[in-house]
Amino acid sequence: MSYLQAIIMGILQGVTELFPISSLGHGVLIPALLGWTNLVSSQTKSESFFLAFLVGLHLGTAVALLIYYRRTWGRLTGGFITSVRDRQIKTPMERLAWLIILGTIPVGIVGLAFEHKLRVQFAKPLSAAIFLIINGFILAGGEILRRRSLAAAKETKGRHRRGASSGFRRLADLPLLRGVAIGSAQILALFAGISRSGVTMVAGISSGLDHEDAAQFSFLLATPVILLAGLYKIPDLLGPNGNGVRLQCLVGAIFAGVAAFLSVKFLVRWFETRTLWPFAIYCLAIGTLGVIRFA
């Protein structure tokens, strides 16, 4: 793997992991489109240098998210400790801490059992393109469902103001079982082409959250999953699979971290007033072009 490939893949990971357009899908499609046969062939192998390289990209992305939400994670940690000590959930931060914990468990269990098998099986350009189209329909479906829900509640189309009359449920009031359901949506992201942030945002919107709260919850849910996935696979990087790519991994991780930090900063502002429609259209268009190219 060249350093140019490491830099491009790092930037790609950092951006597409948080934008609702699938990092796995783009990680499969872009190398194929660029003719990087060394990366394309390695993705469908049970053991390869590319899977070891991904460890660094995941850790770089997770560190960026931890830095951006460092104050929030500090309050979440305090809320968790307090809730355990008092044996009850009283404050919004205590509730959010448990929403994240419970929402992470399902994807953690399924990921440990099936992530490697699904990646090897579906890490092919045509499969990624098809799932990217499906991702586009999921994003579009979430926006349509939201619009109908607001219309049924006689709310103004596209309104994002909060309060008693906004028609949105606040994240602090989200039931714990709803949090589990939203977190479980991350399981779909085990298929290359389905976006983790996309499906969790749609699940959040379907549960009554507005775009801003759905995005924040999505990014917070993603952090422990991405971090633990990277830490779990560190032996791959330190073992034989990592020979010859460790420095490239470090470079890629740095670029992934910077790209992820800038991406989350942009998206937090984007979802204050905007929707998932541009990303849905993008996924449908790129996925269709990918099917035409690789069919």
C-alpha atoms as a PDB file:
ATOM      1  CA  MET A   1       0.000   0.000   0.000  1.00  0.00           C
ATOM      2  CA  SER A   2       1.360   3.400  -0.978  1.00  0.00           C
ATOM      3  CA  TYR A   3       1.202   6.474   1.250  1.00  0.00           C
ATOM      4  CA  LEU A   4      -1.024   8.186  -1.313  1.00  0.00           C
ATOM      5  CA  GLN A   5      -3.499   5.319  -1.024  1.00  0.00           C
ATOM      6  CA  ALA A   6      -3.288   5.531   2.771  1.00  0.00           C
ATOM      7  CA  ILE A   7      -4.032   9.266   2.740  1.00  0.00           C
ATOM      8  CA  ILE A   8      -6.954   8.972   0.321  1.00  0.00           C
ATOM      9  CA  MET A   9      -8.469   6.037   2.207  1.00  0.00           C
ATOM     10  CA  GLY A  10      -8.010   7.870   5.502  1.00  0.00           C
ATOM     11  CA  ILE A  11      -9.816  10.966   4.272  1.00  0.00           C
ATOM     12  CA  LEU A  12     -12.508   8.770   2.725  1.00  0.00           C
ATOM     13  CA  GLN A  13     -13.030   6.912   6.000  1.00  0.00           C
ATOM     14  CA  GLY A  14     -13.186  10.059   8.100  1.00  0.00           C
ATOM     15  CA  VAL A  15     -15.763  11.715   5.851  1.00  0.00           C
ATOM     16  CA  THR A  16     -17.998   8.806   4.871  1.00  0.00           C
ATOM     17  CA  GLU A  17     -18.125   7.266   8.359  1.00  0.00           C
ATOM     18  CA  LEU A  18     -20.059  10.305   9.589  1.00  0.00           C
ATOM     19  CA  PHE A  19     -21.780  11.524   6.444  1.00  0.00           C
ATOM     20  CA  PRO A  20     -24.744   9.139   5.959  1.00  0.00           C
ATOM     21  CA  ILE A  21     -23.280   7.637   2.776  1.00  0.00           C
ATOM     22  CA  SER A  22     -21.454   4.518   4.082  1.00  0.00           C
ATOM     23  CA  SER A  23     -17.730   4.302   4.729  1.00  0.00           C
ATOM     24  CA  LEU A  24     -17.627   0.564   3.946  1.00  0.00           C
ATOM     25  CA  GLY A  25     -19.448   1.085   0.670  1.00  0.00           C
ATOM     26  CA  HIS A  26     -17.093   3.837  -0.457  1.00  0.00           C
ATOM     27  CA  GLY A  27     -14.122   1.879   0.848  1.00  0.00           C
ATOM     28  CA  VAL A  28     -15.061  -0.853  -1.617  1.00  0.00           C
ATOM     29  CA  LEU A  29     -16.196   1.274  -4.574  1.00  0.00           C
ATOM     30  CA  ILE A  30     -13.472   3.933  -4.689  1.00  0.00           C
ATOM     31  CA  PRO A  31     -10.482   1.541  -4.864  1.00  0.00           C
ATOM     32  CA  ALA A  32     -12.293  -0.397  -7.600  1.00  0.00           C
ATOM     33  CA  LEU A  33     -12.994   2.773  -9.583  1.00  0.00           C
ATOM     34  CA  LEU A  34      -9.377   3.929  -9.198  1.00  0.00           C
ATOM     35  CA  GLY A  35      -8.051   0.561 -10.323  1.00  0.00           C
ATOM     36  CA  TRP A  36      -6.285  -0.208  -7.045  1.00  0.00           C
ATOM     37  CA  THR A  37      -6.360  -3.972  -7.517  1.00  0.00           C
ATOM     38  CA  ASN A  38      -4.129  -4.543  -4.477  1.00  0.00           C
ATOM     39  CA  LEU A  39      -6.825  -3.105  -2.209  1.00  0.00           C
ATOM     40  CA  VAL A  40      -9.804  -4.583  -4.055  1.00  0.00           C
ATOM     41  CA  SER A  41      -8.461  -8.141  -3.965  1.00  0.00           C
ATOM     42  CA  SER A  42      -7.458  -7.898  -0.309  1.00  0.00           C
ATOM     43  CA  GLN A  43     -10.921  -6.935   0.927  1.00  0.00           C
ATOM     44  CA  THR A  44     -12.498 -10.295   0.195  1.00  0.00           C
ATOM     45  CA  LYS A  45      -9.759 -12.311   1.912  1.00  0.00           C
ATOM     46  CA  SER A  46     -10.208 -13.665   5.416  1.00  0.00           C
ATOM     47  CA  GLU A  47      -6.817 -12.289   6.416  1.00  0.00           C
ATOM     48  CA  SER A  48      -5.153  -9.345   4.684  1.00  0.00           C
ATOM     49  CA  PHE A  49      -3.072  -6.225   5.201  1.00  0.00           C
ATOM     50  CA  PHE A  50      -6.090  -4.061   4.309  1.00  0.00           C
ATOM     51  CA  LEU A  51      -8.160  -5.338   7.234  1.00  0.00           C
ATOM     52  CA  ALA A  52      -5.203  -4.534   9.494  1.00  0.00           C
ATOM     53  CA  PHE A  53      -4.946  -1.080   7.921  1.00  0.00           C
ATOM     54  CA  LEU A  54      -8.617  -0.402   8.712  1.00  0.00           C
ATOM     55  CA  VAL A  55      -7.824  -0.719  12.426  1.00  0.00           C
ATOM     56  CA  GLY A  56      -5.922   2.559  12.317  1.00  0.00           C
ATOM     57  CA  LEU A  57      -8.636   4.321  10.347  1.00  0.00           C
ATOM     58  CA  HIS A  58     -11.283   3.284  12.879  1.00  0.00           C
ATOM     59  CA  LEU A  59      -9.161   4.412  15.809  1.00  0.00           C
ATOM     60  CA  GLY A  60      -8.414   7.744  14.133  1.00  0.00           C
ATOM     61  CA  THR A  61     -12.117   8.343  13.532  1.00  0.00           C
ATOM     62  CA  ALA A  62     -13.071   7.345  17.077  1.00  0.00           C
ATOM     63  CA  VAL A  63     -10.431   9.629  18.618  1.00  0.00           C
ATOM     64  CA  ALA A  64     -11.734  12.547  16.555  1.00  0.00           C
ATOM     65  CA  LEU A  65     -15.277  11.935  17.797  1.00  0.00           C
ATOM     66  CA  LEU A  66     -14.054  11.689  21.394  1.00  0.00           C
ATOM     67  CA  ILE A  67     -12.216  14.994  21.043  1.00  0.00           C
ATOM     68  CA  TYR A  68     -15.181  16.770  19.477  1.00  0.00           C
ATOM     69  CA  TYR A  69     -17.630  15.504  22.107  1.00  0.00           C
ATOM     70  CA  ARG A  70     -15.102  15.512  24.971  1.00  0.00           C
ATOM     71  CA  ARG A  71     -17.249  17.677  27.252  1.00  0.00           C
ATOM     72  CA  THR A  72     -20.342  15.622  26.518  1.00  0.00           C
ATOM     73  CA  TRP A  73     -18.486  12.364  27.240  1.00  0.00           C
ATOM     74  CA  GLY A  74     -17.231  13.855  30.494  1.00  0.00           C
ATOM     75  CA  ARG A  75     -20.792  14.641  31.560  1.00  0.00           C
ATOM     76  CA  LEU A  76     -21.989  11.236  30.333  1.00  0.00           C
ATOM     77  CA  THR A  77     -19.348   9.471  32.419  1.00  0.00           C
ATOM     78  CA  GLY A  78     -20.373  11.455  35.478  1.00  0.00           C
ATOM     79  CA  GLY A  79     -24.042  10.729  34.792  1.00  0.00           C
ATOM     80  CA  PHE A  80     -23.381   7.001  34.462  1.00  0.00           C
ATOM     81  CA  ILE A  81     -21.427   6.862  37.737  1.00  0.00           C
ATOM     82  CA  THR A  82     -24.113   8.829  39.550  1.00  0.00           C
ATOM     83  CA  SER A  83     -26.927   6.625  38.202  1.00  0.00           C
ATOM     84  CA  VAL A  84     -25.118   3.476  39.311  1.00  0.00           C
ATOM     85  CA  ARG A  85     -24.419   4.961  42.738  1.00  0.00           C
ATOM     86  CA  ASP A  86     -28.014   6.125  43.251  1.00  0.00           C
ATOM     87  CA  ARG A  87     -29.538   3.128  41.436  1.00  0.00           C
ATOM     88  CA  GLN A  88     -31.884   5.377  39.486  1.00  0.00           C
ATOM     89  CA  ILE A  89     -31.940   7.595  36.409  1.00  0.00           C
ATOM     90  CA  LYS A  90     -32.840  11.176  37.268  1.00  0.00           C
ATOM     91  CA  THR A  91     -31.077  13.601  34.916  1.00  0.00           C
ATOM     92  CA  PRO A  92     -30.960  13.890  31.093  1.00  0.00           C
ATOM     93  CA  MET A  93     -27.251  12.995  31.056  1.00  0.00           C
ATOM     94  CA  GLU A  94     -27.863   9.876  33.133  1.00  0.00           C
ATOM     95  CA  ARG A  95     -30.582   8.815  30.714  1.00  0.00           C
ATOM     96  CA  LEU A  96     -28.423   9.566  27.668  1.00  0.00           C
ATOM     97  CA  ALA A  97     -25.547   7.547  29.138  1.00  0.00           C
ATOM     98  CA  TRP A  98     -27.790   4.504  29.485  1.00  0.00           C
ATOM     99  CA  LEU A  99     -29.332   5.071  26.051  1.00  0.00           C
ATOM    100  CA  ILE A 100     -25.851   4.838  24.551  1.00  0.00           C
ATOM    101  CA  ILE A 101     -24.844   1.799  26.620  1.00  0.00           C
ATOM    102  CA  LEU A 102     -28.013  -0.154  25.861  1.00  0.00           C
ATOM    103  CA  GLY A 103     -28.049   0.975  22.236  1.00  0.00           C
ATOM    104  CA  THR A 104     -24.500  -0.294  21.704  1.00  0.00           C
ATOM    105  CA  ILE A 105     -25.040  -3.820  23.034  1.00  0.00           C
ATOM    106  CA  PRO A 106     -26.999  -5.318  20.078  1.00  0.00           C
ATOM    107  CA  VAL A 107     -24.567  -4.227  17.353  1.00  0.00           C
ATOM    108  CA  GLY A 108     -21.660  -5.276  19.563  1.00  0.00           C
ATOM    109  CA  ILE A 109     -22.981  -8.819  19.882  1.00  0.00           C
ATOM    110  CA  VAL A 110     -23.940  -9.189  16.227  1.00  0.00           C
ATOM    111  CA  GLY A 111     -20.723  -7.517  15.075  1.00  0.00           C
ATOM    112  CA  LEU A 112     -18.548  -9.935  17.031  1.00  0.00           C
ATOM    113  CA  ALA A 113     -20.387 -12.876  15.510  1.00  0.00           C
ATOM    114  CA  PHE A 114     -20.861 -11.798  11.907  1.00  0.00           C
ATOM    115  CA  GLU A 115     -18.911  -8.627  10.988  1.00  0.00           C
ATOM    116  CA  HIS A 116     -15.904 -10.427   9.504  1.00  0.00           C
ATOM    117  CA  LYS A 117     -18.014 -12.921   7.567  1.00  0.00           C
ATOM    118  CA  LEU A 118     -20.288 -10.226   6.142  1.00  0.00           C
ATOM    119  CA  ARG A 119     -17.362  -8.043   5.139  1.00  0.00           C
ATOM    120  CA  VAL A 120     -15.611 -10.858   3.286  1.00  0.00           C
ATOM    121  CA  GLN A 121     -18.862 -11.935   1.635  1.00  0.00           C
ATOM    122  CA  PHE A 122     -20.183  -8.521   0.543  1.00  0.00           C
ATOM    123  CA  ALA A 123     -17.007  -6.443   0.101  1.00  0.00           C
ATOM    124  CA  LYS A 124     -17.450  -6.470  -3.662  1.00  0.00           C
ATOM    125  CA  PRO A 125     -18.088  -3.388  -5.842  1.00  0.00           C
ATOM    126  CA  LEU A 126     -21.423  -4.582  -7.247  1.00  0.00           C
ATOM    127  CA  SER A 127     -22.767  -5.577  -3.821  1.00  0.00           C
ATOM    128  CA  ALA A 128     -21.627  -2.254  -2.330  1.00  0.00           C
ATOM    129  CA  ALA A 129     -23.332  -0.320  -5.138  1.00  0.00           C
ATOM    130  CA  ILE A 130     -26.606  -2.201  -4.614  1.00  0.00           C
ATOM    131  CA  PHE A 131     -26.550  -1.609  -0.856  1.00  0.00           C
ATOM    132  CA  LEU A 132     -25.715   2.054  -1.475  1.00  0.00           C
ATOM    133  CA  ILE A 133     -28.951   2.329  -3.477  1.00  0.00           C
ATOM    134  CA  ILE A 134     -30.794   0.660  -0.604  1.00  0.00           C
ATOM    135  CA  ASN A 135     -29.189   3.174   1.761  1.00  0.00           C
ATOM    136  CA  GLY A 136     -30.503   5.996  -0.415  1.00  0.00           C
ATOM    137  CA  PHE A 137     -34.028   4.597  -0.189  1.00  0.00           C
ATOM    138  CA  ILE A 138     -33.699   4.264   3.599  1.00  0.00           C
ATOM    139  CA  LEU A 139     -32.688   7.926   3.911  1.00  0.00           C
ATOM    140  CA  ALA A 140     -35.469   9.040   1.581  1.00  0.00           C
ATOM    141  CA  GLY A 141     -37.972   6.858   3.419  1.00  0.00           C
ATOM    142  CA  GLY A 142     -36.998   8.439   6.720  1.00  0.00           C
ATOM    143  CA  GLU A 143     -37.610  11.922   5.343  1.00  0.00           C
ATOM    144  CA  ILE A 144     -40.965  10.926   3.839  1.00  0.00           C
ATOM    145  CA  LEU A 145     -42.053   9.338   7.117  1.00  0.00           C
ATOM    146  CA  ARG A 146     -41.005  12.446   9.022  1.00  0.00           C
ATOM    147  CA  ARG A 147     -42.923  14.719   6.666  1.00  0.00           C
ATOM    148  CA  ARG A 148     -46.076  12.636   6.983  1.00  0.00           C
ATOM    149  CA  SER A 149     -45.767  12.532  10.770  1.00  0.00           C
ATOM    150  CA  LEU A 150     -45.466  16.303  10.963  1.00  0.00           C
ATOM    151  CA  ALA A 151     -48.324  16.766   8.532  1.00  0.00           C
ATOM    152  CA  ALA A 152     -50.501  14.486  10.630  1.00  0.00           C
ATOM    153  CA  ALA A 153     -49.646  16.605  13.668  1.00  0.00           C
ATOM    154  CA  LYS A 154     -50.508  19.737  11.643  1.00  0.00           C
ATOM    155  CA  GLU A 155     -46.940  20.998  11.833  1.00  0.00           C
ATOM    156  CA  THR A 156     -45.235  23.217   9.272  1.00  0.00           C
ATOM    157  CA  LYS A 157     -43.152  21.359   6.712  1.00  0.00           C
ATOM    158  CA  GLY A 158     -39.433  21.443   7.528  1.00  0.00           C
ATOM    159  CA  ARG A 159     -39.893  23.170  10.916  1.00  0.00           C
ATOM    160  CA  HIS A 160     -36.949  22.545  13.292  1.00  0.00           C
ATOM    161  CA  ARG A 161     -37.784  24.728  16.294  1.00  0.00           C
ATOM    162  CA  ARG A 162     -38.012  22.936  19.591  1.00  0.00           C
ATOM    163  CA  GLY A 163     -40.483  23.207  22.396  1.00  0.00           C
ATOM    164  CA  ALA A 164     -43.906  21.995  23.338  1.00  0.00           C
ATOM    165  CA  SER A 165     -45.364  22.853  19.939  1.00  0.00           C
ATOM    166  CA  SER A 166     -42.476  21.655  17.750  1.00  0.00           C
ATOM    167  CA  GLY A 167     -43.924  18.183  17.227  1.00  0.00           C
ATOM    168  CA  PHE A 168     -40.547  16.567  18.066  1.00  0.00           C
ATOM    169  CA  ARG A 169     -39.576  14.400  20.997  1.00  0.00           C
ATOM    170  CA  ARG A 170     -36.489  15.558  22.894  1.00  0.00           C
ATOM    171  CA  LEU A 171     -33.543  13.192  23.205  1.00  0.00           C
ATOM    172  CA  ALA A 172     -33.673  13.591  26.982  1.00  0.00           C
ATOM    173  CA  ASP A 173     -37.196  12.123  26.971  1.00  0.00           C
ATOM    174  CA  LEU A 174     -36.422   9.127  24.740  1.00  0.00           C
ATOM    175  CA  PRO A 175     -37.496   5.819  26.358  1.00  0.00           C
ATOM    176  CA  LEU A 176     -34.661   3.347  26.939  1.00  0.00           C
ATOM    177  CA  LEU A 177     -36.240   0.720  24.703  1.00  0.00           C
ATOM    178  CA  ARG A 178     -36.392   3.263  21.892  1.00  0.00           C
ATOM    179  CA  GLY A 179     -32.681   3.816  22.382  1.00  0.00           C
ATOM    180  CA  VAL A 180     -32.070   0.093  22.032  1.00  0.00           C
ATOM    181  CA  ALA A 181     -34.093   0.059  18.808  1.00  0.00           C
ATOM    182  CA  ILE A 182     -32.171   3.018  17.376  1.00  0.00           C
ATOM    183  CA  GLY A 183     -28.843   1.492  18.355  1.00  0.00           C
ATOM    184  CA  SER A 184     -29.850  -1.853  16.850  1.00  0.00           C
ATOM    185  CA  ALA A 185     -30.242  -0.147  13.476  1.00  0.00           C
ATOM    186  CA  GLN A 186     -26.431  -0.022  13.359  1.00  0.00           C
ATOM    187  CA  ILE A 187     -26.490  -3.748  12.606  1.00  0.00           C
ATOM    188  CA  LEU A 188     -27.541  -2.920   9.038  1.00  0.00           C
ATOM    189  CA  ALA A 189     -24.256  -1.042   8.603  1.00  0.00           C
ATOM    190  CA  LEU A 190     -22.404  -4.364   8.699  1.00  0.00           C
ATOM    191  CA  PHE A 191     -23.356  -4.565   5.010  1.00  0.00           C
ATOM    192  CA  ALA A 192     -20.971  -2.505   2.875  1.00  0.00           C
ATOM    193  CA  GLY A 193     -23.093   0.281   1.412  1.00  0.00           C
ATOM    194  CA  ILE A 194     -25.430   0.838   4.373  1.00  0.00           C
ATOM    195  CA  SER A 195     -24.463   3.877   6.446  1.00  0.00           C
ATOM    196  CA  ARG A 196     -24.216   3.567  10.225  1.00  0.00           C
ATOM    197  CA  SER A 197     -25.007   7.230  10.798  1.00  0.00           C
ATOM    198  CA  GLY A 198     -27.719   7.136   8.128  1.00  0.00           C
ATOM    199  CA  VAL A 199     -29.739   4.242   9.519  1.00  0.00           C
ATOM    200  CA  THR A 200     -29.431   5.436  13.117  1.00  0.00           C
ATOM    201  CA  MET A 201     -30.548   8.928  12.112  1.00  0.00           C
ATOM    202  CA  VAL A 202     -33.555   7.507  10.265  1.00  0.00           C
ATOM    203  CA  ALA A 203     -34.370   5.328  13.286  1.00  0.00           C
ATOM    204  CA  GLY A 204     -34.093   8.400  15.511  1.00  0.00           C
ATOM    205  CA  ILE A 205     -36.291  10.500  13.231  1.00  0.00           C
ATOM    206  CA  SER A 206     -38.831   7.652  13.123  1.00  0.00           C
ATOM    207  CA  SER A 207     -38.831   7.705  16.924  1.00  0.00           C
ATOM    208  CA  GLY A 208     -39.803  11.375  16.928  1.00  0.00           C
ATOM    209  CA  LEU A 209     -36.415  13.105  17.223  1.00  0.00           C
ATOM    210  CA  ASP A 210     -35.585  16.111  15.072  1.00  0.00           C
ATOM    211  CA  HIS A 211     -32.566  16.028  12.738  1.00  0.00           C
ATOM    212  CA  GLU A 212     -30.255  17.727  15.214  1.00  0.00           C
ATOM    213  CA  ASP A 213     -30.928  15.342  18.101  1.00  0.00           C
ATOM    214  CA  ALA A 214     -30.981  12.329  15.764  1.00  0.00           C
ATOM    215  CA  ALA A 215     -27.560  13.313  14.386  1.00  0.00           C
ATOM    216  CA  GLN A 216     -26.061  13.909  17.826  1.00  0.00           C
ATOM    217  CA  PHE A 217     -27.358  10.582  19.130  1.00  0.00           C
ATOM    218  CA  SER A 218     -26.060   8.855  15.996  1.00  0.00           C
ATOM    219  CA  PHE A 219     -22.540  10.251  16.439  1.00  0.00           C
ATOM    220  CA  LEU A 220     -22.474   9.412  20.144  1.00  0.00           C
ATOM    221  CA  LEU A 221     -23.690   5.871  19.451  1.00  0.00           C
ATOM    222  CA  ALA A 222     -21.068   5.406  16.746  1.00  0.00           C
ATOM    223  CA  THR A 223     -18.131   6.407  18.951  1.00  0.00           C
ATOM    224  CA  PRO A 224     -17.911   3.334  21.238  1.00  0.00           C
ATOM    225  CA  VAL A 225     -18.717   0.981  18.348  1.00  0.00           C
ATOM    226  CA  ILE A 226     -15.958   2.369  16.107  1.00  0.00           C
ATOM    227  CA  LEU A 227     -13.488   2.591  18.998  1.00  0.00           C
ATOM    228  CA  LEU A 228     -14.127  -0.936  20.263  1.00  0.00           C
ATOM    229  CA  ALA A 229     -14.000  -2.338  16.725  1.00  0.00           C
ATOM    230  CA  GLY A 230     -10.567  -0.795  16.270  1.00  0.00           C
ATOM    231  CA  LEU A 231      -9.263  -1.936  19.653  1.00  0.00           C
ATOM    232  CA  TYR A 232     -10.616  -5.454  19.129  1.00  0.00           C
ATOM    233  CA  LYS A 233      -8.651  -5.818  15.897  1.00  0.00           C
ATOM    234  CA  ILE A 234      -5.364  -4.314  17.064  1.00  0.00           C
ATOM    235  CA  PRO A 235      -3.794  -7.818  17.108  1.00  0.00           C
ATOM    236  CA  ASP A 236      -4.318  -7.885  13.320  1.00  0.00           C
ATOM    237  CA  LEU A 237      -2.257  -4.716  12.986  1.00  0.00           C
ATOM    238  CA  LEU A 238       0.444  -5.900  15.372  1.00  0.00           C
ATOM    239  CA  GLY A 239       0.581  -9.365  13.814  1.00  0.00           C
ATOM    240  CA  PRO A 240       1.793 -10.568  10.397  1.00  0.00           C
ATOM    241  CA  ASN A 241      -1.064  -8.832   8.562  1.00  0.00           C
ATOM    242  CA  GLY A 242       0.304  -5.486   9.672  1.00  0.00           C
ATOM    243  CA  ASN A 243       3.789  -6.044   8.259  1.00  0.00           C
ATOM    244  CA  GLY A 244       4.603  -3.356   5.730  1.00  0.00           C
ATOM    245  CA  VAL A 245       1.555  -1.151   6.401  1.00  0.00           C
ATOM    246  CA  ARG A 246       2.000   0.107   9.959  1.00  0.00           C
ATOM    247  CA  LEU A 247       3.438   3.489   8.979  1.00  0.00           C
ATOM    248  CA  GLN A 248       0.816   3.835   6.240  1.00  0.00           C
ATOM    249  CA  CYS A 249      -1.767   2.978   8.899  1.00  0.00           C
ATOM    250  CA  LEU A 250      -0.493   5.773  11.138  1.00  0.00           C
ATOM    251  CA  VAL A 251      -0.631   8.284   8.280  1.00  0.00           C
ATOM    252  CA  GLY A 252      -4.114   7.107   7.273  1.00  0.00           C
ATOM    253  CA  ALA A 253      -5.321   7.308  10.882  1.00  0.00           C
ATOM    254  CA  ILE A 254      -4.160  10.925  11.205  1.00  0.00           C
ATOM    255  CA  PHE A 255      -5.942  11.949   8.011  1.00  0.00           C
ATOM    256  CA  ALA A 256      -9.033   9.969   9.021  1.00  0.00           C
ATOM    257  CA  GLY A 257      -9.108  11.730  12.381  1.00  0.00           C
ATOM    258  CA  VAL A 258      -8.788  15.212  10.894  1.00  0.00           C
ATOM    259  CA  ALA A 259     -11.419  14.457   8.243  1.00  0.00           C
ATOM    260  CA  ALA A 260     -13.787  13.006  10.860  1.00  0.00           C
ATOM    261  CA  PHE A 261     -13.418  16.031  13.141  1.00  0.00           C
ATOM    262  CA  LEU A 262     -14.159  18.461  10.312  1.00  0.00           C
ATOM    263  CA  SER A 263     -17.039  16.272   9.116  1.00  0.00           C
ATOM    264  CA  VAL A 264     -18.824  16.099  12.457  1.00  0.00           C
ATOM    265  CA  LYS A 265     -18.343  19.840  12.932  1.00  0.00           C
ATOM    266  CA  PHE A 266     -19.948  20.474   9.542  1.00  0.00           C
ATOM    267  CA  LEU A 267     -22.772  17.974  10.002  1.00  0.00           C
ATOM    268  CA  VAL A 268     -23.780  19.265  13.435  1.00  0.00           C
ATOM    269  CA  ARG A 269     -24.440  22.657  11.849  1.00  0.00           C
ATOM    270  CA  TRP A 270     -26.018  21.114   8.732  1.00  0.00           C
ATOM    271  CA  PHE A 271     -28.667  19.208  10.652  1.00  0.00           C
ATOM    272  CA  GLU A 272     -29.690  22.235  12.676  1.00  0.00           C
ATOM    273  CA  THR A 273     -31.702  23.374   9.658  1.00  0.00           C
ATOM    274  CA  ARG A 274     -31.308  20.813   6.858  1.00  0.00           C
ATOM    275  CA  THR A 275     -32.352  17.262   6.035  1.00  0.00           C
ATOM    276  CA  LEU A 276     -31.126  13.912   4.691  1.00  0.00           C
ATOM    277  CA  TRP A 277     -32.460  14.497   1.163  1.00  0.00           C
ATOM    278  CA  PRO A 278     -29.135  15.517  -0.480  1.00  0.00           C
ATOM    279  CA  PHE A 279     -27.453  12.396   0.904  1.00  0.00           C
ATOM    280  CA  ALA A 280     -30.315  10.175  -0.220  1.00  0.00           C
ATOM    281  CA  ILE A 281     -30.073  11.543  -3.774  1.00  0.00           C
ATOM    282  CA  TYR A 282     -26.287  11.138  -3.738  1.00  0.00           C
ATOM    283  CA  CYS A 283     -26.493   7.481  -2.647  1.00  0.00           C
ATOM    284  CA  LEU A 284     -29.126   6.671  -5.256  1.00  0.00           C
ATOM    285  CA  ALA A 285     -27.085   8.328  -8.002  1.00  0.00           C
ATOM    286  CA  ILE A 286     -23.670   6.881  -7.074  1.00  0.00           C
ATOM    287  CA  GLY A 287     -25.144   3.463  -6.358  1.00  0.00           C
ATOM    288  CA  THR A 288     -26.873   3.382  -9.738  1.00  0.00           C
ATOM    289  CA  LEU A 289     -23.671   4.404 -11.526  1.00  0.00           C
ATOM    290  CA  GLY A 290     -21.820   1.718  -9.583  1.00  0.00           C
ATOM    291  CA  VAL A 291     -24.297  -0.962 -10.653  1.00  0.00           C
ATOM    292  CA  ILE A 292     -23.957   0.123 -14.279  1.00  0.00           C
ATOM    293  CA  ARG A 293     -20.170   0.086 -14.009  1.00  0.00           C
ATOM    294  CA  PHE A 294     -19.703  -3.237 -12.218  1.00  0.00           C
ATOM    295  CA  ALA A 295     -22.707  -5.294 -13.356  1.00  0.00           C
END
